Full PDB file with SEQRES, HELIX, SHEET, SSBOND, CRYST1, ORIGX, SCALE, CONECT and MASTER records, all heavy atoms in Angstrom:
SEQRES   1 A   34  THR ILE GLY ARG ARG GLU SER ASN ASP ILE VAL ILE GLU          
SEQRES   2 A   34  ASN LEU ALA VAL SER GLY MET HIS ALA LYS VAL ASP SER          
SEQRES   3 A   34  ILE ASP LYS GLY TYR LEU LEU THR                              
SHEET    1 AA1 2 ILE A   2  GLY A   3  0                                        
SHEET    2 AA1 2 ILE A  10  VAL A  11  1                                        
SHEET    1 AA2 2 VAL A  24  ILE A  27  0                                        
SHEET    2 AA2 2 GLY A  30  LEU A  33 -1                                        
CRYST1    1.000    1.000    1.000  90.00  90.00  90.00 P 1           1          
ORIGX1      1.000000  0.000000  0.000000        0.00000                         
ORIGX2      0.000000  1.000000  0.000000        0.00000                         
ORIGX3      0.000000  0.000000  1.000000        0.00000                         
SCALE1      1.000000  0.000000  0.000000        0.00000                         
SCALE2      0.000000  1.000000  0.000000        0.00000                         
SCALE3      0.000000  0.000000  1.000000        0.00000                         
ATOM      1  N   THR A   1      16.614  52.947 -38.975  1.00  0.00           N  
ATOM      2  CA  THR A   1      15.485  53.242 -38.064  1.00  0.00           C  
ATOM      3  C   THR A   1      15.002  51.930 -37.442  1.00  0.00           C  
ATOM      4  O   THR A   1      15.154  50.845 -38.017  1.00  0.00           O  
ATOM      5  CB  THR A   1      14.318  53.906 -38.822  1.00  0.00           C  
ATOM      6  OG1 THR A   1      13.899  53.051 -39.913  1.00  0.00           O  
ATOM      7  CG2 THR A   1      14.753  55.251 -39.359  1.00  0.00           C  
ATOM      8  N   ILE A   2      14.449  52.057 -36.263  1.00  0.00           N  
ATOM      9  CA  ILE A   2      13.956  50.905 -35.489  1.00  0.00           C  
ATOM     10  C   ILE A   2      12.513  51.157 -35.050  1.00  0.00           C  
ATOM     11  O   ILE A   2      12.202  52.250 -34.571  1.00  0.00           O  
ATOM     12  CB  ILE A   2      14.831  50.679 -34.235  1.00  0.00           C  
ATOM     13  CG1 ILE A   2      16.308  50.586 -34.612  1.00  0.00           C  
ATOM     14  CG2 ILE A   2      14.384  49.431 -33.468  1.00  0.00           C  
ATOM     15  CD1 ILE A   2      17.253  50.733 -33.433  1.00  0.00           C  
ATOM     16  N   GLY A   3      11.644  50.188 -35.253  1.00  0.00           N  
ATOM     17  CA  GLY A   3      10.247  50.369 -34.808  1.00  0.00           C  
ATOM     18  C   GLY A   3       9.346  49.243 -35.279  1.00  0.00           C  
ATOM     19  O   GLY A   3       9.807  48.264 -35.856  1.00  0.00           O  
ATOM     20  N   ARG A   4       8.051  49.432 -35.051  1.00  0.00           N  
ATOM     21  CA  ARG A   4       7.080  48.391 -35.353  1.00  0.00           C  
ATOM     22  C   ARG A   4       6.652  48.408 -36.832  1.00  0.00           C  
ATOM     23  O   ARG A   4       6.237  47.384 -37.354  1.00  0.00           O  
ATOM     24  CB  ARG A   4       5.871  48.545 -34.455  1.00  0.00           C  
ATOM     25  CG  ARG A   4       4.990  47.289 -34.357  1.00  0.00           C  
ATOM     26  CD  ARG A   4       3.874  47.411 -33.351  1.00  0.00           C  
ATOM     27  NE  ARG A   4       2.856  48.348 -33.736  1.00  0.00           N  
ATOM     28  CZ  ARG A   4       2.670  49.517 -33.131  1.00  0.00           C  
ATOM     29  NH1 ARG A   4       3.432  49.897 -32.127  1.00  0.00           N  
ATOM     30  NH2 ARG A   4       1.721  50.355 -33.539  1.00  0.00           N  
ATOM     31  N   ARG A   5       6.736  49.567 -37.487  1.00  0.00           N  
ATOM     32  CA  ARG A   5       6.331  49.640 -38.885  1.00  0.00           C  
ATOM     33  C   ARG A   5       7.276  48.851 -39.787  1.00  0.00           C  
ATOM     34  O   ARG A   5       8.491  48.812 -39.532  1.00  0.00           O  
ATOM     35  CB  ARG A   5       6.313  51.108 -39.371  1.00  0.00           C  
ATOM     36  CG  ARG A   5       5.216  51.933 -38.730  1.00  0.00           C  
ATOM     37  CD  ARG A   5       5.326  53.374 -39.219  1.00  0.00           C  
ATOM     38  NE  ARG A   5       4.376  54.259 -38.545  1.00  0.00           N  
ATOM     39  CZ  ARG A   5       4.473  55.579 -38.502  1.00  0.00           C  
ATOM     40  NH1 ARG A   5       5.480  56.178 -39.107  1.00  0.00           N  
ATOM     41  NH2 ARG A   5       3.582  56.305 -37.868  1.00  0.00           N  
ATOM     42  N   GLU A   6       6.721  48.281 -40.839  1.00  0.00           N  
ATOM     43  CA  GLU A   6       7.516  47.477 -41.758  1.00  0.00           C  
ATOM     44  C   GLU A   6       8.499  48.290 -42.554  1.00  0.00           C  
ATOM     45  O   GLU A   6       9.437  47.749 -43.150  1.00  0.00           O  
ATOM     46  CB  GLU A   6       6.584  46.713 -42.698  1.00  0.00           C  
ATOM     47  CG  GLU A   6       5.766  45.645 -42.005  1.00  0.00           C  
ATOM     48  CD  GLU A   6       4.954  44.821 -42.988  1.00  0.00           C  
ATOM     49  OE1 GLU A   6       5.077  45.077 -44.200  1.00  0.00           O  
ATOM     50  OE2 GLU A   6       4.217  43.904 -42.528  1.00  0.00           O  
ATOM     51  N   SER A   7       8.353  49.627 -42.575  1.00  0.00           N  
ATOM     52  CA  SER A   7       9.256  50.491 -43.339  1.00  0.00           C  
ATOM     53  C   SER A   7      10.581  50.678 -42.612  1.00  0.00           C  
ATOM     54  O   SER A   7      11.530  51.223 -43.192  1.00  0.00           O  
ATOM     55  CB  SER A   7       8.605  51.863 -43.575  1.00  0.00           C  
ATOM     56  OG  SER A   7       8.237  52.469 -42.371  1.00  0.00           O  
ATOM     57  N   ASN A   8      10.672  50.252 -41.364  1.00  0.00           N  
ATOM     58  CA  ASN A   8      11.906  50.405 -40.604  1.00  0.00           C  
ATOM     59  C   ASN A   8      12.966  49.402 -41.070  1.00  0.00           C  
ATOM     60  O   ASN A   8      12.659  48.354 -41.622  1.00  0.00           O  
ATOM     61  CB  ASN A   8      11.665  50.185 -39.100  1.00  0.00           C  
ATOM     62  CG  ASN A   8      10.885  51.332 -38.497  1.00  0.00           C  
ATOM     63  OD1 ASN A   8      11.406  52.423 -38.318  1.00  0.00           O  
ATOM     64  ND2 ASN A   8       9.615  51.063 -38.162  1.00  0.00           N  
ATOM     65  N   ASP A   9      14.243  49.760 -40.815  1.00  0.00           N  
ATOM     66  CA  ASP A   9      15.334  48.862 -41.167  1.00  0.00           C  
ATOM     67  C   ASP A   9      15.346  47.667 -40.187  1.00  0.00           C  
ATOM     68  O   ASP A   9      15.642  46.550 -40.581  1.00  0.00           O  
ATOM     69  CB  ASP A   9      16.673  49.606 -41.086  1.00  0.00           C  
ATOM     70  CG  ASP A   9      16.727  50.755 -42.061  1.00  0.00           C  
ATOM     71  OD1 ASP A   9      16.800  50.497 -43.273  1.00  0.00           O  
ATOM     72  OD2 ASP A   9      16.648  51.918 -41.631  1.00  0.00           O  
ATOM     73  N   ILE A  10      15.055  47.942 -38.920  1.00  0.00           N  
ATOM     74  CA  ILE A  10      14.921  46.889 -37.936  1.00  0.00           C  
ATOM     75  C   ILE A  10      13.492  46.894 -37.425  1.00  0.00           C  
ATOM     76  O   ILE A  10      13.059  47.846 -36.764  1.00  0.00           O  
ATOM     77  CB  ILE A  10      15.897  47.063 -36.740  1.00  0.00           C  
ATOM     78  CG1 ILE A  10      17.351  47.046 -37.261  1.00  0.00           C  
ATOM     79  CG2 ILE A  10      15.701  45.982 -35.696  1.00  0.00           C  
ATOM     80  CD1 ILE A  10      18.391  47.258 -36.165  1.00  0.00           C  
ATOM     81  N   VAL A  11      12.746  45.862 -37.781  1.00  0.00           N  
ATOM     82  CA  VAL A  11      11.325  45.795 -37.438  1.00  0.00           C  
ATOM     83  C   VAL A  11      11.162  44.923 -36.185  1.00  0.00           C  
ATOM     84  O   VAL A  11      11.635  43.781 -36.137  1.00  0.00           O  
ATOM     85  CB  VAL A  11      10.488  45.221 -38.574  1.00  0.00           C  
ATOM     86  CG1 VAL A  11       9.009  45.123 -38.170  1.00  0.00           C  
ATOM     87  CG2 VAL A  11      10.634  46.074 -39.830  1.00  0.00           C  
ATOM     88  N   ILE A  12      10.500  45.481 -35.157  1.00  0.00           N  
ATOM     89  CA  ILE A  12      10.215  44.744 -33.914  1.00  0.00           C  
ATOM     90  C   ILE A  12       8.723  44.690 -33.756  1.00  0.00           C  
ATOM     91  O   ILE A  12       8.063  45.697 -33.464  1.00  0.00           O  
ATOM     92  CB  ILE A  12      10.867  45.416 -32.700  1.00  0.00           C  
ATOM     93  CG1 ILE A  12      12.380  45.537 -32.894  1.00  0.00           C  
ATOM     94  CG2 ILE A  12      10.542  44.620 -31.425  1.00  0.00           C  
ATOM     95  CD1 ILE A  12      13.067  46.253 -31.744  1.00  0.00           C  
ATOM     96  N   GLU A  13       8.145  43.521 -33.969  1.00  0.00           N  
ATOM     97  CA  GLU A  13       6.685  43.364 -33.918  1.00  0.00           C  
ATOM     98  C   GLU A  13       6.252  43.102 -32.482  1.00  0.00           C  
ATOM     99  O   GLU A  13       6.125  41.981 -32.026  1.00  0.00           O  
ATOM    100  CB  GLU A  13       6.290  42.188 -34.843  1.00  0.00           C  
ATOM    101  CG  GLU A  13       6.592  42.420 -36.302  1.00  0.00           C  
ATOM    102  CD  GLU A  13       6.194  41.280 -37.185  1.00  0.00           C  
ATOM    103  OE1 GLU A  13       5.690  40.268 -36.657  1.00  0.00           O  
ATOM    104  OE2 GLU A  13       6.367  41.373 -38.409  1.00  0.00           O  
ATOM    105  N   ASN A  14       5.997  44.209 -31.803  1.00  0.00           N  
ATOM    106  CA  ASN A  14       5.562  44.151 -30.428  1.00  0.00           C  
ATOM    107  C   ASN A  14       4.772  45.415 -30.115  1.00  0.00           C  
ATOM    108  O   ASN A  14       5.195  46.525 -30.489  1.00  0.00           O  
ATOM    109  CB  ASN A  14       6.772  44.031 -29.487  1.00  0.00           C  
ATOM    110  CG  ASN A  14       6.362  43.782 -28.046  1.00  0.00           C  
ATOM    111  OD1 ASN A  14       5.830  44.646 -27.364  1.00  0.00           O  
ATOM    112  ND2 ASN A  14       6.581  42.563 -27.550  1.00  0.00           N  
ATOM    113  N   LEU A  15       3.625  45.287 -29.457  1.00  0.00           N  
ATOM    114  CA  LEU A  15       2.760  46.443 -29.230  1.00  0.00           C  
ATOM    115  C   LEU A  15       3.398  47.477 -28.304  1.00  0.00           C  
ATOM    116  O   LEU A  15       2.943  48.632 -28.250  1.00  0.00           O  
ATOM    117  CB  LEU A  15       1.404  45.970 -28.629  1.00  0.00           C  
ATOM    118  CG  LEU A  15       0.502  45.194 -29.609  1.00  0.00           C  
ATOM    119  CD1 LEU A  15      -0.739  44.707 -28.888  1.00  0.00           C  
ATOM    120  CD2 LEU A  15       0.182  46.003 -30.822  1.00  0.00           C  
ATOM    121  N   ALA A  16       4.424  47.073 -27.549  1.00  0.00           N  
ATOM    122  CA  ALA A  16       5.108  48.020 -26.676  1.00  0.00           C  
ATOM    123  C   ALA A  16       6.075  48.909 -27.455  1.00  0.00           C  
ATOM    124  O   ALA A  16       6.631  49.878 -26.908  1.00  0.00           O  
ATOM    125  CB  ALA A  16       5.886  47.269 -25.582  1.00  0.00           C  
ATOM    126  N   VAL A  17       6.298  48.597 -28.744  1.00  0.00           N  
ATOM    127  CA  VAL A  17       7.211  49.338 -29.565  1.00  0.00           C  
ATOM    128  C   VAL A  17       6.441  50.299 -30.448  1.00  0.00           C  
ATOM    129  O   VAL A  17       5.442  49.941 -31.064  1.00  0.00           O  
ATOM    130  CB  VAL A  17       8.044  48.341 -30.453  1.00  0.00           C  
ATOM    131  CG1 VAL A  17       8.984  49.116 -31.353  1.00  0.00           C  
ATOM    132  CG2 VAL A  17       8.773  47.339 -29.591  1.00  0.00           C  
ATOM    133  N   SER A  18       6.890  51.529 -30.521  1.00  0.00           N  
ATOM    134  CA  SER A  18       6.238  52.550 -31.327  1.00  0.00           C  
ATOM    135  C   SER A  18       6.514  52.296 -32.812  1.00  0.00           C  
ATOM    136  O   SER A  18       7.475  51.609 -33.175  1.00  0.00           O  
ATOM    137  CB  SER A  18       6.730  53.950 -30.963  1.00  0.00           C  
ATOM    138  OG  SER A  18       6.381  54.265 -29.629  1.00  0.00           O  
ATOM    139  N   GLY A  19       5.665  52.862 -33.681  1.00  0.00           N  
ATOM    140  CA  GLY A  19       5.826  52.689 -35.125  1.00  0.00           C  
ATOM    141  C   GLY A  19       7.196  53.113 -35.589  1.00  0.00           C  
ATOM    142  O   GLY A  19       7.868  52.425 -36.334  1.00  0.00           O  
ATOM    143  N   MET A  20       7.616  54.317 -35.195  1.00  0.00           N  
ATOM    144  CA  MET A  20       8.972  54.810 -35.400  1.00  0.00           C  
ATOM    145  C   MET A  20       9.559  55.030 -33.996  1.00  0.00           C  
ATOM    146  O   MET A  20       9.305  56.048 -33.365  1.00  0.00           O  
ATOM    147  CB  MET A  20       8.980  56.104 -36.198  1.00  0.00           C  
ATOM    148  CG  MET A  20       8.510  55.938 -37.621  1.00  0.00           C  
ATOM    149  SD  MET A  20       9.661  54.986 -38.622  1.00  0.00           S  
ATOM    150  CE  MET A  20      11.060  56.118 -38.677  1.00  0.00           C  
ATOM    151  N   HIS A  21      10.302  54.081 -33.484  1.00  0.00           N  
ATOM    152  CA  HIS A  21      10.687  54.105 -32.060  1.00  0.00           C  
ATOM    153  C   HIS A  21      12.025  54.791 -31.824  1.00  0.00           C  
ATOM    154  O   HIS A  21      12.167  55.613 -30.925  1.00  0.00           O  
ATOM    155  CB  HIS A  21      10.749  52.649 -31.528  1.00  0.00           C  
ATOM    156  CG  HIS A  21      10.748  52.569 -30.056  1.00  0.00           C  
ATOM    157  ND1 HIS A  21       9.663  52.163 -29.319  1.00  0.00           N  
ATOM    158  CD2 HIS A  21      11.722  52.805 -29.148  1.00  0.00           C  
ATOM    159  CE1 HIS A  21       9.927  52.185 -28.022  1.00  0.00           C  
ATOM    160  NE2 HIS A  21      11.206  52.563 -27.908  1.00  0.00           N  
ATOM    161  N   ALA A  22      13.036  54.430 -32.617  1.00  0.00           N  
ATOM    162  CA  ALA A  22      14.389  54.974 -32.432  1.00  0.00           C  
ATOM    163  C   ALA A  22      15.138  54.923 -33.743  1.00  0.00           C  
ATOM    164  O   ALA A  22      14.693  54.321 -34.708  1.00  0.00           O  
ATOM    165  CB  ALA A  22      15.130  54.204 -31.336  1.00  0.00           C  
ATOM    166  N   LYS A  23      16.300  55.594 -33.771  1.00  0.00           N  
ATOM    167  CA  LYS A  23      17.162  55.509 -34.949  1.00  0.00           C  
ATOM    168  C   LYS A  23      18.598  55.504 -34.513  1.00  0.00           C  
ATOM    169  O   LYS A  23      18.945  55.938 -33.387  1.00  0.00           O  
ATOM    170  CB  LYS A  23      16.891  56.714 -35.900  1.00  0.00           C  
ATOM    171  CG  LYS A  23      17.300  58.071 -35.354  1.00  0.00           C  
ATOM    172  CD  LYS A  23      17.152  59.148 -36.408  1.00  0.00           C  
ATOM    173  CE  LYS A  23      17.589  60.515 -35.868  1.00  0.00           C  
ATOM    174  NZ  LYS A  23      17.624  61.538 -36.933  1.00  0.00           N  
ATOM    175  N   VAL A  24      19.475  55.030 -35.429  1.00  0.00           N  
ATOM    176  CA  VAL A  24      20.913  55.050 -35.170  1.00  0.00           C  
ATOM    177  C   VAL A  24      21.557  55.781 -36.353  1.00  0.00           C  
ATOM    178  O   VAL A  24      21.391  55.359 -37.520  1.00  0.00           O  
ATOM    179  CB  VAL A  24      21.497  53.629 -35.066  1.00  0.00           C  
ATOM    180  CG1 VAL A  24      23.018  53.684 -34.873  1.00  0.00           C  
ATOM    181  CG2 VAL A  24      20.873  52.881 -33.881  1.00  0.00           C  
ATOM    182  N   ASP A  25      22.241  56.876 -36.061  1.00  0.00           N  
ATOM    183  CA  ASP A  25      22.886  57.660 -37.093  1.00  0.00           C  
ATOM    184  C   ASP A  25      24.393  57.385 -37.092  1.00  0.00           C  
ATOM    185  O   ASP A  25      25.026  57.364 -36.028  1.00  0.00           O  
ATOM    186  CB  ASP A  25      22.673  59.158 -36.872  1.00  0.00           C  
ATOM    187  CG  ASP A  25      21.233  59.580 -37.067  1.00  0.00           C  
ATOM    188  OD1 ASP A  25      20.642  59.170 -38.061  1.00  0.00           O  
ATOM    189  OD2 ASP A  25      20.707  60.291 -36.194  1.00  0.00           O  
ATOM    190  N   SER A  26      24.954  57.170 -38.282  1.00  0.00           N  
ATOM    191  CA  SER A  26      26.384  57.004 -38.438  1.00  0.00           C  
ATOM    192  C   SER A  26      27.005  58.368 -38.609  1.00  0.00           C  
ATOM    193  O   SER A  26      26.759  59.081 -39.595  1.00  0.00           O  
ATOM    194  CB  SER A  26      26.691  56.158 -39.657  1.00  0.00           C  
ATOM    195  OG  SER A  26      28.071  56.146 -39.961  1.00  0.00           O  
ATOM    196  N   ILE A  27      27.804  58.821 -37.598  1.00  0.00           N  
ATOM    197  CA  ILE A  27      28.372  60.148 -37.606  1.00  0.00           C  
ATOM    198  C   ILE A  27      29.867  60.059 -37.279  1.00  0.00           C  
ATOM    199  O   ILE A  27      30.252  59.671 -36.156  1.00  0.00           O  
ATOM    200  CB  ILE A  27      27.692  61.060 -36.551  1.00  0.00           C  
ATOM    201  CG1 ILE A  27      26.153  61.108 -36.793  1.00  0.00           C  
ATOM    202  CG2 ILE A  27      28.276  62.464 -36.586  1.00  0.00           C  
ATOM    203  CD1 ILE A  27      25.402  61.830 -35.710  1.00  0.00           C  
ATOM    204  N   ASP A  28      30.701  60.434 -38.251  1.00  0.00           N  
ATOM    205  CA  ASP A  28      32.159  60.468 -38.040  1.00  0.00           C  
ATOM    206  C   ASP A  28      32.667  59.201 -37.397  1.00  0.00           C  
ATOM    207  O   ASP A  28      33.374  59.205 -36.401  1.00  0.00           O  
ATOM    208  CB  ASP A  28      32.564  61.668 -37.177  1.00  0.00           C  
ATOM    209  CG  ASP A  28      32.267  62.983 -37.883  1.00  0.00           C  
ATOM    210  OD1 ASP A  28      32.224  62.990 -39.125  1.00  0.00           O  
ATOM    211  OD2 ASP A  28      32.077  63.997 -37.166  1.00  0.00           O  
ATOM    212  N   LYS A  29      32.284  58.047 -37.960  1.00  0.00           N  
ATOM    213  CA  LYS A  29      32.710  56.730 -37.529  1.00  0.00           C  
ATOM    214  C   LYS A  29      32.078  56.280 -36.222  1.00  0.00           C  
ATOM    215  O   LYS A  29      32.338  55.156 -35.737  1.00  0.00           O  
ATOM    216  CB  LYS A  29      34.246  56.623 -37.460  1.00  0.00           C  
ATOM    217  CG  LYS A  29      34.933  56.775 -38.800  1.00  0.00           C  
ATOM    218  CD  LYS A  29      36.430  56.528 -38.677  1.00  0.00           C  
ATOM    219  CE  LYS A  29      37.095  56.643 -40.061  1.00  0.00           C  
ATOM    220  NZ  LYS A  29      38.543  56.400 -39.984  1.00  0.00           N  
ATOM    221  N   GLY A  30      31.300  57.158 -35.557  1.00  0.00           N  
ATOM    222  CA  GLY A  30      30.568  56.800 -34.359  1.00  0.00           C  
ATOM    223  C   GLY A  30      29.112  56.515 -34.691  1.00  0.00           C  
ATOM    224  O   GLY A  30      28.658  56.804 -35.801  1.00  0.00           O  
ATOM    225  N   TYR A  31      28.409  55.943 -33.704  1.00  0.00           N  
ATOM    226  CA  TYR A  31      26.991  55.591 -33.938  1.00  0.00           C  
ATOM    227  C   TYR A  31      26.148  56.154 -32.804  1.00  0.00           C  
ATOM    228  O   TYR A  31      26.317  55.777 -31.631  1.00  0.00           O  
ATOM    229  CB  TYR A  31      26.825  54.076 -34.032  1.00  0.00           C  
ATOM    230  CG  TYR A  31      27.545  53.514 -35.259  1.00  0.00           C  
ATOM    231  CD1 TYR A  31      28.881  53.150 -35.242  1.00  0.00           C  
ATOM    232  CD2 TYR A  31      26.859  53.443 -36.473  1.00  0.00           C  
ATOM    233  CE1 TYR A  31      29.535  52.717 -36.370  1.00  0.00           C  
ATOM    234  CE2 TYR A  31      27.511  52.986 -37.641  1.00  0.00           C  
ATOM    235  CZ  TYR A  31      28.830  52.614 -37.569  1.00  0.00           C  
ATOM    236  OH  TYR A  31      29.470  52.184 -38.685  1.00  0.00           O  
ATOM    237  N   LEU A  32      25.268  57.087 -33.195  1.00  0.00           N  
ATOM    238  CA  LEU A  32      24.447  57.795 -32.205  1.00  0.00           C  
ATOM    239  C   LEU A  32      23.042  57.257 -32.216  1.00  0.00           C  
ATOM    240  O   LEU A  32      22.327  57.327 -33.229  1.00  0.00           O  
ATOM    241  CB  LEU A  32      24.444  59.297 -32.531  1.00  0.00           C  
ATOM    242  CG  LEU A  32      23.626  60.191 -31.591  1.00  0.00           C  
ATOM    243  CD1 LEU A  32      24.256  60.188 -30.191  1.00  0.00           C  
ATOM    244  CD2 LEU A  32      23.516  61.608 -32.124  1.00  0.00           C  
ATOM    245  N   LEU A  33      22.589  56.727 -31.068  1.00  0.00           N  
ATOM    246  CA  LEU A  33      21.234  56.231 -30.876  1.00  0.00           C  
ATOM    247  C   LEU A  33      20.352  57.387 -30.426  1.00  0.00           C  
ATOM    248  O   LEU A  33      20.729  58.114 -29.505  1.00  0.00           O  
ATOM    249  CB  LEU A  33      21.213  55.113 -29.854  1.00  0.00           C  
ATOM    250  CG  LEU A  33      19.845  54.617 -29.374  1.00  0.00           C  
ATOM    251  CD1 LEU A  33      19.184  53.800 -30.457  1.00  0.00           C  
ATOM    252  CD2 LEU A  33      19.998  53.807 -28.096  1.00  0.00           C  
ATOM    253  N   THR A  34      19.182  57.554 -31.043  1.00  0.00           N  
ATOM    254  CA  THR A  34      18.247  58.597 -30.667  1.00  0.00           C  
ATOM    255  C   THR A  34      16.843  58.010 -30.497  1.00  0.00           C  
ATOM    256  O   THR A  34      16.358  57.315 -31.394  1.00  0.00           O  
ATOM    257  CB  THR A  34      18.191  59.700 -31.743  1.00  0.00           C  
ATOM    258  OG1 THR A  34      19.486  60.239 -31.931  1.00  0.00           O  
ATOM    259  CG2 THR A  34      17.266  60.830 -31.309  1.00  0.00           C  
TER     260      THR A  34                                                      
MASTER        0    0    0    0    4    0    0    6  259    1    0    3          
END                                                                             
């Protein structure tokens, strides 16, 4: 997960970034950004 909250795997400390902004799922060797 990607976002401003410290619980995310990738933390981006910027007010323009939502607490839980996006995620990347590993699916059948591919990587889906949502």
